[in-house]
N, C-alpha and C. Protein backbone atom coordinates (compact mmCIF):
# COMPACT_ATOMS: atom_id res chain seq x y z
N MET A 1 1.27 -1.46 -0.54
CA MET A 1 -0.04 0.32 0.39
C MET A 1 0.65 1.09 -0.08
N SER A 2 0.61 2.51 -0.77
CA SER A 2 1.22 3.06 -0.97
C SER A 2 1.30 4.42 0.12
N ASN A 3 1.68 5.75 0.70
CA ASN A 3 1.45 6.38 1.62
C ASN A 3 0.71 7.60 0.79
N TYR A 4 0.13 8.25 1.65
CA TYR A 4 -0.57 9.80 1.01
C TYR A 4 -0.33 10.87 2.35
N ASN A 5 -0.13 11.91 1.47
CA ASN A 5 0.91 12.61 2.48
C ASN A 5 0.44 13.93 2.30
N ARG A 6 -1.37 14.48 2.47
CA ARG A 6 -1.96 15.66 2.22
C ARG A 6 -2.59 15.96 3.81
N THR A 7 -2.43 17.40 3.78
CA THR A 7 -3.64 17.86 5.31
C THR A 7 -3.98 19.28 4.29
N VAL A 8 -5.32 19.49 4.73
CA VAL A 8 -5.54 21.01 4.19
C VAL A 8 -6.39 21.66 5.98
N LEU A 9 -5.95 22.88 6.11
CA LEU A 9 -5.82 23.28 7.27
C LEU A 9 -6.31 24.59 7.05
N THR A 10 -7.67 24.90 8.41
CA THR A 10 -8.07 26.92 8.17
C THR A 10 -7.73 27.51 9.07
N GLY A 11 -7.27 28.60 9.16
CA GLY A 11 -6.90 29.52 10.85
C GLY A 11 -6.53 30.27 10.36
N HIS A 12 -5.71 31.23 11.82
CA HIS A 12 -5.77 32.18 11.31
C HIS A 12 -3.86 32.32 11.22
N LEU A 13 -3.27 33.50 10.59
CA LEU A 13 -1.80 33.87 10.65
C LEU A 13 -1.82 34.34 11.74
N THR A 14 -0.64 33.80 12.90
CA THR A 14 0.18 34.41 13.99
C THR A 14 0.88 35.56 14.08
N SER A 15 1.38 36.32 12.04
CA SER A 15 2.57 36.73 11.84
C SER A 15 2.48 37.04 10.82
N LYS A 16 2.97 37.45 10.35
CA LYS A 16 3.34 37.98 9.12
C LYS A 16 4.19 36.88 8.20
N PRO A 17 4.19 36.49 7.25
CA PRO A 17 5.36 35.34 6.65
C PRO A 17 6.33 35.95 6.65
N GLU A 18 7.10 35.58 6.56
CA GLU A 18 8.71 35.85 7.14
C GLU A 18 9.31 34.54 5.71
N THR A 19 10.62 35.91 4.64
CA THR A 19 11.24 34.70 3.67
C THR A 19 12.39 35.61 3.87
N LYS A 20 13.66 34.49 3.77
CA LYS A 20 14.50 34.83 3.90
C LYS A 20 15.55 32.93 3.33
N GLU A 21 16.21 33.78 2.59
CA GLU A 21 17.05 33.23 2.19
C GLU A 21 18.24 32.73 2.27
N LEU A 22 18.28 31.58 1.87
CA LEU A 22 19.41 30.21 3.12
C LEU A 22 21.04 30.49 2.26
N PRO A 23 21.84 30.16 2.44
CA PRO A 23 23.03 29.97 1.86
C PRO A 23 23.20 29.59 0.55
N SER A 24 22.95 28.75 0.14
CA SER A 24 21.88 27.99 -1.36
C SER A 24 22.01 28.32 -1.90
N GLY A 25 21.66 29.67 -1.70
CA GLY A 25 20.56 31.16 -2.48
C GLY A 25 19.07 30.52 -2.88
N THR A 26 18.53 29.35 -2.00
CA THR A 26 16.95 28.96 -1.80
C THR A 26 16.23 29.65 -1.44
N THR A 27 15.14 30.42 -1.54
CA THR A 27 14.18 31.24 -0.93
C THR A 27 13.12 29.72 0.54
N VAL A 28 13.29 30.37 1.43
CA VAL A 28 12.20 29.61 2.24
C VAL A 28 10.78 30.95 3.23
N THR A 29 9.94 31.42 2.86
CA THR A 29 9.02 31.58 3.61
C THR A 29 9.00 31.17 4.56
N GLU A 30 8.27 31.23 5.93
CA GLU A 30 8.07 30.41 7.59
C GLU A 30 6.93 31.61 7.75
N CYS A 31 5.83 30.55 8.04
CA CYS A 31 4.53 31.24 8.76
C CYS A 31 3.86 30.20 9.87
N ASP A 32 3.55 30.78 11.15
CA ASP A 32 2.41 30.33 11.77
C ASP A 32 0.88 30.89 11.63
N ILE A 33 0.27 29.40 12.50
CA ILE A 33 -1.16 29.16 11.67
C ILE A 33 -1.80 28.93 12.44
N ALA A 34 -2.41 29.29 13.53
CA ALA A 34 -3.59 28.86 14.62
C ALA A 34 -4.80 28.39 14.22
N VAL A 35 -4.77 27.38 14.37
CA VAL A 35 -6.41 26.01 14.35
C VAL A 35 -6.68 26.09 16.07
N ASN A 36 -8.25 26.57 15.40
CA ASN A 36 -9.11 26.59 17.13
C ASN A 36 -9.81 25.10 16.63
N LYS A 37 -9.89 25.08 18.04
CA LYS A 37 -11.26 23.63 18.36
C LYS A 37 -11.95 24.13 19.24
N SER A 38 -13.32 24.34 19.14
CA SER A 38 -14.29 24.07 20.04
C SER A 38 -14.87 23.15 20.27
N TRP A 39 -15.73 22.55 21.77
CA TRP A 39 -16.42 21.32 22.01
C TRP A 39 -16.85 21.57 23.56
N LYS A 40 -18.26 20.75 23.90
CA LYS A 40 -18.58 21.15 24.67
C LYS A 40 -18.66 20.11 25.52
N ASP A 41 -18.05 20.02 26.50
CA ASP A 41 -18.07 19.82 27.65
C ASP A 41 -19.49 18.75 28.61
N LYS A 42 -18.45 17.01 29.59
CA LYS A 42 -19.62 16.78 29.65
C LYS A 42 -20.57 17.72 30.95
N SER A 43 -20.09 18.81 31.52
CA SER A 43 -21.43 19.89 31.92
C SER A 43 -21.98 20.76 30.49
N GLY A 44 -21.56 20.89 29.84
CA GLY A 44 -22.07 21.53 28.50
C GLY A 44 -21.34 23.31 28.31
N GLU A 45 -20.66 23.15 29.08
CA GLU A 45 -19.75 24.08 29.21
C GLU A 45 -18.74 24.23 27.92
N TRP A 46 -18.49 24.89 26.86
CA TRP A 46 -17.69 25.27 25.55
C TRP A 46 -16.41 25.50 25.77
N GLN A 47 -15.48 24.82 25.51
CA GLN A 47 -14.50 24.55 25.74
C GLN A 47 -13.11 24.57 24.48
N GLU A 48 -12.80 25.75 24.40
CA GLU A 48 -11.97 25.86 23.21
C GLU A 48 -10.52 25.83 23.24
N LYS A 49 -9.67 24.77 22.70
CA LYS A 49 -8.21 24.39 22.14
C LYS A 49 -7.80 25.70 21.19
N VAL A 50 -6.47 26.04 21.14
CA VAL A 50 -5.42 26.79 20.14
C VAL A 50 -4.11 25.38 19.71
N SER A 51 -4.16 25.13 18.28
CA SER A 51 -2.69 24.49 18.27
C SER A 51 -2.45 25.22 16.81
N PHE A 52 -1.00 26.10 17.16
CA PHE A 52 -0.07 26.44 16.81
C PHE A 52 0.89 25.74 15.37
N VAL A 53 0.57 26.23 14.45
CA VAL A 53 0.70 25.10 13.61
C VAL A 53 1.87 25.68 12.51
N PRO A 54 3.30 25.83 12.43
CA PRO A 54 4.66 26.27 12.19
C PRO A 54 4.12 25.82 10.24
N CYS A 55 4.67 26.64 9.44
CA CYS A 55 4.59 26.36 7.96
C CYS A 55 5.34 27.35 7.37
N LYS A 56 6.01 26.36 6.18
CA LYS A 56 7.09 26.87 5.43
C LYS A 56 6.70 26.92 3.78
N ILE A 57 6.96 27.71 2.84
CA ILE A 57 7.05 27.52 1.42
C ILE A 57 8.24 27.60 1.08
N TRP A 58 8.62 27.10 0.36
CA TRP A 58 10.13 27.09 -0.17
C TRP A 58 9.87 27.53 -1.80
N GLY A 59 11.22 28.45 -2.43
CA GLY A 59 11.10 28.97 -3.08
C GLY A 59 10.12 30.14 -3.88
N GLU A 60 10.32 30.16 -5.10
CA GLU A 60 9.38 31.56 -5.55
C GLU A 60 8.08 31.99 -5.07
N ARG A 61 7.48 31.03 -4.46
CA ARG A 61 6.24 31.57 -4.31
C ARG A 61 5.88 31.75 -2.56
N GLY A 62 7.01 31.59 -2.29
CA GLY A 62 7.28 32.21 -0.99
C GLY A 62 7.14 33.98 -1.05
N PRO A 63 7.51 34.76 -1.63
CA PRO A 63 7.64 36.35 -1.61
C PRO A 63 6.63 36.52 -1.92
N ALA A 64 5.83 36.25 -3.14
CA ALA A 64 4.48 36.91 -3.18
C ALA A 64 3.29 36.11 -1.68
N ILE A 65 3.54 35.48 -1.44
CA ILE A 65 2.43 34.55 -0.07
C ILE A 65 3.00 36.20 0.82
N ALA A 66 4.94 36.41 1.32
CA ALA A 66 4.59 37.40 2.41
C ALA A 66 3.78 38.19 1.99
N GLU A 67 3.96 39.06 0.99
CA GLU A 67 3.69 40.31 0.24
C GLU A 67 1.76 40.36 0.26
N ARG A 68 1.79 39.42 0.30
CA ARG A 68 -0.04 39.58 -0.06
C ARG A 68 -0.48 38.68 1.51
N PHE A 69 -0.54 38.77 2.44
CA PHE A 69 -0.62 38.07 3.25
C PHE A 69 -0.40 38.71 4.46
N ASP A 70 -1.42 39.03 6.09
CA ASP A 70 -0.37 39.49 7.16
C ASP A 70 -1.14 38.30 8.15
N LYS A 71 -0.55 39.39 9.77
CA LYS A 71 -0.73 38.85 10.68
C LYS A 71 -2.50 38.92 10.69
N GLY A 72 -2.87 37.36 11.37
CA GLY A 72 -4.18 37.38 11.60
C GLY A 72 -5.59 37.24 10.67
N GLN A 73 -5.18 37.19 9.66
CA GLN A 73 -6.30 36.68 8.30
C GLN A 73 -6.42 35.36 8.04
N HIS A 74 -7.62 34.89 7.96
CA HIS A 74 -8.22 33.86 8.05
C HIS A 74 -7.65 33.24 6.52
N VAL A 75 -6.87 32.06 6.40
CA VAL A 75 -6.27 31.86 5.47
C VAL A 75 -6.65 29.88 5.81
N LEU A 76 -6.80 29.92 4.23
CA LEU A 76 -7.03 28.13 4.15
C LEU A 76 -5.99 27.80 3.50
N ILE A 77 -4.69 26.42 3.95
CA ILE A 77 -3.71 26.22 3.16
C ILE A 77 -3.85 24.71 3.02
N GLU A 78 -2.60 24.10 1.84
CA GLU A 78 -3.05 22.92 1.38
C GLU A 78 -1.21 21.90 1.73
N GLY A 79 -0.98 21.38 2.21
CA GLY A 79 0.05 20.94 2.04
C GLY A 79 1.07 19.80 2.78
N GLU A 80 1.78 19.63 3.23
CA GLU A 80 2.69 17.82 2.95
C GLU A 80 2.86 18.22 5.21
N ILE A 81 2.65 17.09 5.75
CA ILE A 81 3.40 17.22 6.74
C ILE A 81 5.04 16.74 6.85
N GLU A 82 6.06 17.58 6.87
CA GLU A 82 7.63 17.49 7.39
C GLU A 82 8.06 16.77 8.80
N MET A 83 8.52 16.22 8.95
CA MET A 83 9.54 16.39 9.98
C MET A 83 11.00 16.31 10.20
N ASP A 84 11.31 17.75 10.62
CA ASP A 84 12.71 18.22 10.97
C ASP A 84 13.16 16.98 12.22
N SER A 85 14.27 17.11 12.16
CA SER A 85 15.65 16.85 13.10
C SER A 85 17.14 16.99 13.28
N TRP A 86 17.41 16.90 14.79
CA TRP A 86 17.90 17.91 14.40
C TRP A 86 18.81 17.82 15.82
N ASP A 87 19.85 18.07 15.99
CA ASP A 87 20.77 17.28 17.10
C ASP A 87 21.18 19.38 18.03
N ASP A 88 20.04 18.69 19.44
CA ASP A 88 20.26 20.39 20.31
C ASP A 88 21.84 20.30 20.84
N LYS A 89 21.91 21.67 20.48
CA LYS A 89 23.58 22.19 20.94
C LYS A 89 23.88 22.45 22.24
N GLU A 90 22.99 22.51 22.90
CA GLU A 90 22.69 22.59 24.26
C GLU A 90 23.10 21.63 25.21
N THR A 91 21.83 20.55 25.52
CA THR A 91 21.59 19.30 25.35
C THR A 91 22.44 17.83 25.21
N GLY A 92 22.42 17.89 24.02
CA GLY A 92 22.96 16.84 23.00
C GLY A 92 22.04 15.99 22.93
N LYS A 93 21.06 16.18 22.83
CA LYS A 93 19.57 15.45 22.47
C LYS A 93 18.99 15.37 21.13
N LYS A 94 18.08 15.27 20.63
CA LYS A 94 17.82 14.60 19.30
C LYS A 94 16.91 15.20 19.31
N ARG A 95 16.58 16.79 18.94
CA ARG A 95 15.18 17.43 19.03
C ARG A 95 14.97 16.79 17.15
N THR A 96 13.26 16.86 17.14
CA THR A 96 12.31 17.10 15.91
C THR A 96 10.79 17.84 16.33
N LYS A 97 10.39 18.52 14.69
CA LYS A 97 9.06 19.42 14.45
C LYS A 97 8.72 18.84 13.43
N LEU A 98 7.06 18.51 13.66
CA LEU A 98 6.75 18.89 12.51
C LEU A 98 6.23 20.17 11.95
N SER A 99 6.36 19.98 10.59
CA SER A 99 5.53 21.23 9.97
C SER A 99 5.03 21.15 8.87
N ILE A 100 4.28 22.31 8.01
CA ILE A 100 3.36 21.62 6.89
C ILE A 100 4.23 22.68 5.70
N ILE A 101 4.63 21.86 4.64
CA ILE A 101 5.49 22.44 3.62
C ILE A 101 3.76 22.92 2.53
N ILE A 102 3.75 23.96 2.26
CA ILE A 102 2.57 24.35 2.04
C ILE A 102 2.95 24.45 0.47
N THR A 103 1.37 24.33 -0.01
CA THR A 103 1.51 24.38 -1.35
C THR A 103 0.48 24.62 -2.03
N LYS A 104 -0.49 25.30 -1.70
CA LYS A 104 -1.08 26.06 -1.98
C LYS A 104 -2.03 26.78 -0.23
N MET A 105 -1.96 28.64 -0.44
CA MET A 105 -2.38 29.13 0.50
C MET A 105 -3.57 29.95 -0.09
N LEU A 106 -4.74 30.35 -0.41
CA LEU A 106 -6.07 31.07 -0.14
C LEU A 106 -6.25 31.76 1.35
N LYS A 107 -6.56 33.52 0.70
CA LYS A 107 -7.40 34.06 2.07
C LYS A 107 -8.37 34.01 1.55
N LEU A 108 -9.59 33.60 2.88
CA LEU A 108 -10.21 33.60 3.52
C LEU A 108 -11.19 34.81 3.69
N GLY A 109 -10.19 35.69 3.74
CA GLY A 109 -10.34 37.64 3.46
C GLY A 109 -10.60 38.10 4.98
N ARG A 110 -10.71 39.13 5.21
CA ARG A 110 -11.35 39.71 6.15
C ARG A 110 -12.77 40.80 5.96
N LEU A 111 -13.69 39.59 6.00
CA LEU A 111 -14.76 40.46 5.45
C LEU A 111 -15.29 41.31 5.61
N GLY A 112 -16.14 42.30 5.08
CA GLY A 112 -16.89 43.02 5.58
C GLY A 112 -16.30 44.25 6.37
N GLY A 113 -14.82 44.24 5.90
CA GLY A 113 -14.65 45.53 6.54
C GLY A 113 -13.54 45.32 7.94
N GLY A 114 -14.33 44.15 8.64
CA GLY A 114 -14.07 43.46 9.86
C GLY A 114 -12.30 43.51 10.20
N GLU A 115 -12.11 43.55 11.25
CA GLU A 115 -10.16 43.18 11.68
C GLU A 115 -10.42 42.12 11.23
N PRO A 116 -8.66 42.85 11.63
CA PRO A 116 -7.40 41.20 11.06
C PRO A 116 -8.19 40.25 11.84
N ASN A 117 -8.77 40.12 13.45
CA ASN A 117 -8.58 38.79 14.12
C ASN A 117 -10.19 37.75 14.10
N GLU A 118 -11.44 38.94 13.54
CA GLU A 118 -12.50 39.11 13.16
C GLU A 118 -12.93 37.17 11.59
N ALA A 119 -13.27 36.16 12.23
CA ALA A 119 -13.81 35.46 11.68
C ALA A 119 -14.49 35.79 10.07
N PRO A 120 -14.21 35.00 8.82
CA PRO A 120 -14.61 35.49 7.97
C PRO A 120 -16.57 35.21 8.36
N LYS A 121 -17.00 36.47 7.19
CA LYS A 121 -18.55 36.33 7.23
C LYS A 121 -19.27 35.42 5.97
N SER A 122 -19.16 35.08 4.88
CA SER A 122 -19.37 34.79 4.02
C SER A 122 -17.76 33.95 3.01
N ALA A 123 -18.10 33.12 2.20
CA ALA A 123 -17.20 32.51 0.87
C ALA A 123 -16.11 33.76 1.06
N PRO A 124 -14.96 32.76 0.66
CA PRO A 124 -13.53 33.48 0.14
C PRO A 124 -14.16 33.94 -1.12
N LYS A 125 -13.34 34.88 -1.69
CA LYS A 125 -13.46 35.44 -2.91
C LYS A 125 -12.57 34.90 -3.63
N LYS A 126 -12.31 34.04 -4.94
CA LYS A 126 -11.88 34.19 -5.80
C LYS A 126 -10.23 34.73 -6.27
N ASP A 127 -10.70 36.29 -6.40
CA ASP A 127 -9.74 36.80 -7.18
C ASP A 127 -8.45 37.48 -5.63
N ASP A 128 -8.65 36.82 -4.56
CA ASP A 128 -7.65 36.67 -3.95
C ASP A 128 -6.76 35.49 -3.51
N ASP A 129 -6.80 34.61 -4.48
CA ASP A 129 -6.45 33.07 -4.58
C ASP A 129 -4.83 33.48 -4.48
N VAL A 130 -3.67 33.16 -4.53
CA VAL A 130 -2.65 33.54 -4.56
C VAL A 130 -2.25 32.23 -6.18
N PRO A 131 -1.38 32.25 -7.04
CA PRO A 131 -1.38 31.68 -8.10
C PRO A 131 -0.44 30.25 -8.23
N PHE A 132 -0.63 29.45 -7.90
CA PHE A 132 0.60 28.42 -8.38
C PHE A 132 0.01 27.31 -9.64
């Protein structure tokens, strides 16, 4: 059986995406997405948990995303999960970190002129999509 690595998330950007150039000349754009989960507990009270998901965009698409997206913006991302691993210089222990390598990112927008942290009030606009 073959493997399949694809994820789709909606959430809010926790900061403006930042692009940097690596010594190899390759560019990488990084951002984090806050994904909220809400549920009612046994007593009927609403609970909420926020997961912060690190994301990367490799190559030419990254600067276009960094230019068009801002902190607080509601987005939909599609990508692949990747595990990074390294040796911690302070402790000497092996460290790992999961992140999403974004292949597609769409604005769900600040509709109705709302503040950046407000949830959208209607469907996303097609003209706000980043071309890939």
